[in-house]
Amino acid sequence: MKKWSLVLVPLILFLTLTMQVWAAQPIKLIVNGVVTSTDVAPQMIKDRVMVPVRWVAEALGADVHWDEVNRSVLVKQKQEGQDLSSLERRLELLEQAVAAKTPEQAVETWAEGVKMRNGALQYAMLSPELRAQKKAQYESQGWVTGVSSPWVEDYEILSSEADSFKYVVTFSLVSSTGSAGQTVAHVTVKQIQGNWFIDKVSETHVGPATGEEETPAQANILTGIIKETETGDSPRILVEGDPMASGEPSLTWVYISARTSFSVSHNGEVSSATMDDIEAGQQVEVVIDGPMLMSYPAQGAAESIQVIK
């Protein structure tokens, strides 16, 4: 009996000390993977962990108030858009910093964005209405417009009419083989709350040899062969028209929305269709809805798409 007592007493003392040491270890409060320091440390009370509600709620983006009269803790989740994320806030401040104070500055900044293929800079210069039309296109490209060849070598800005806030921007394009002609953009700007923004854009392409317009960017109708189709949140098709004088293919990304109508023309008879009937290799006639986006390939929204068989 004494032998068992000699064994149990040290064991009990060891377990007691171990539990005391474990209990003395501070309890960490981790919110969304971040260790949060509190003025009152979390505690274990009757097998439950108690933490200060203010620190947890505020770490999750809520407002916390103490109502002394009713002896109540008021926790209110902030409404969407009320509390911008760090990234959204940074973008907002950057766009405010580059906001154009004159019409010329708006066109200059936009043109520089086109030359740099910087969709984010172009987007910052657009009016709210034009942003709503073009945002999906910029996002689908990862905010990098155009392709590596041909590229914009330089541009020139001219005012088309005095005090009309309309400008003509001529972009000189080159490729590895030399001149790829010019793209002429007709730009209209307007003032919103003291700053100036691009409100309308239309464009045409002029070939390097003939001086004739080669792309239907300014026209309402685009014809060609579907080279690629993309589905998802921003469905679009890549249409290839006749080659330009430089030999570069005439390419246009055509974006499809809920307003886009589809049809099939076969031996003079036209029947309705859907996006499911659109495939690579088909000849199509596209009616463009609104202005084209300055890039290569060009970009525009489809009012209607008709498959020609």
Foldseek 3Di string as FASTA:
>chain_A
DVVVVVVVVVVVVVVVVVVVVVQPDFDFDADPNRTFDDPDTWHQDPNDTDDDPCRRLVVVQWDWDADPVVRDIDIGHDDPPPDDDPVVVVLVVVLVVQFALDLVSLVVQLVVCQQQQQQSSVLSQADPVVCVVCVVVCVVVVRRFADVPFGFPDKDKDAPDPPQQKIKIWTWTAGPVGTQFIKIKIWHWDDDPSTIHTYAIAIFTAGPPPRDTDACQRPQKHKAFFADWDDDPWTWTKGWDPCGPVRHTQIEIETEDPQEFEWEADPNDIDGDDPVPDDGGFIKMFGFDGHWDPYVNIYTYTNYIYTYD
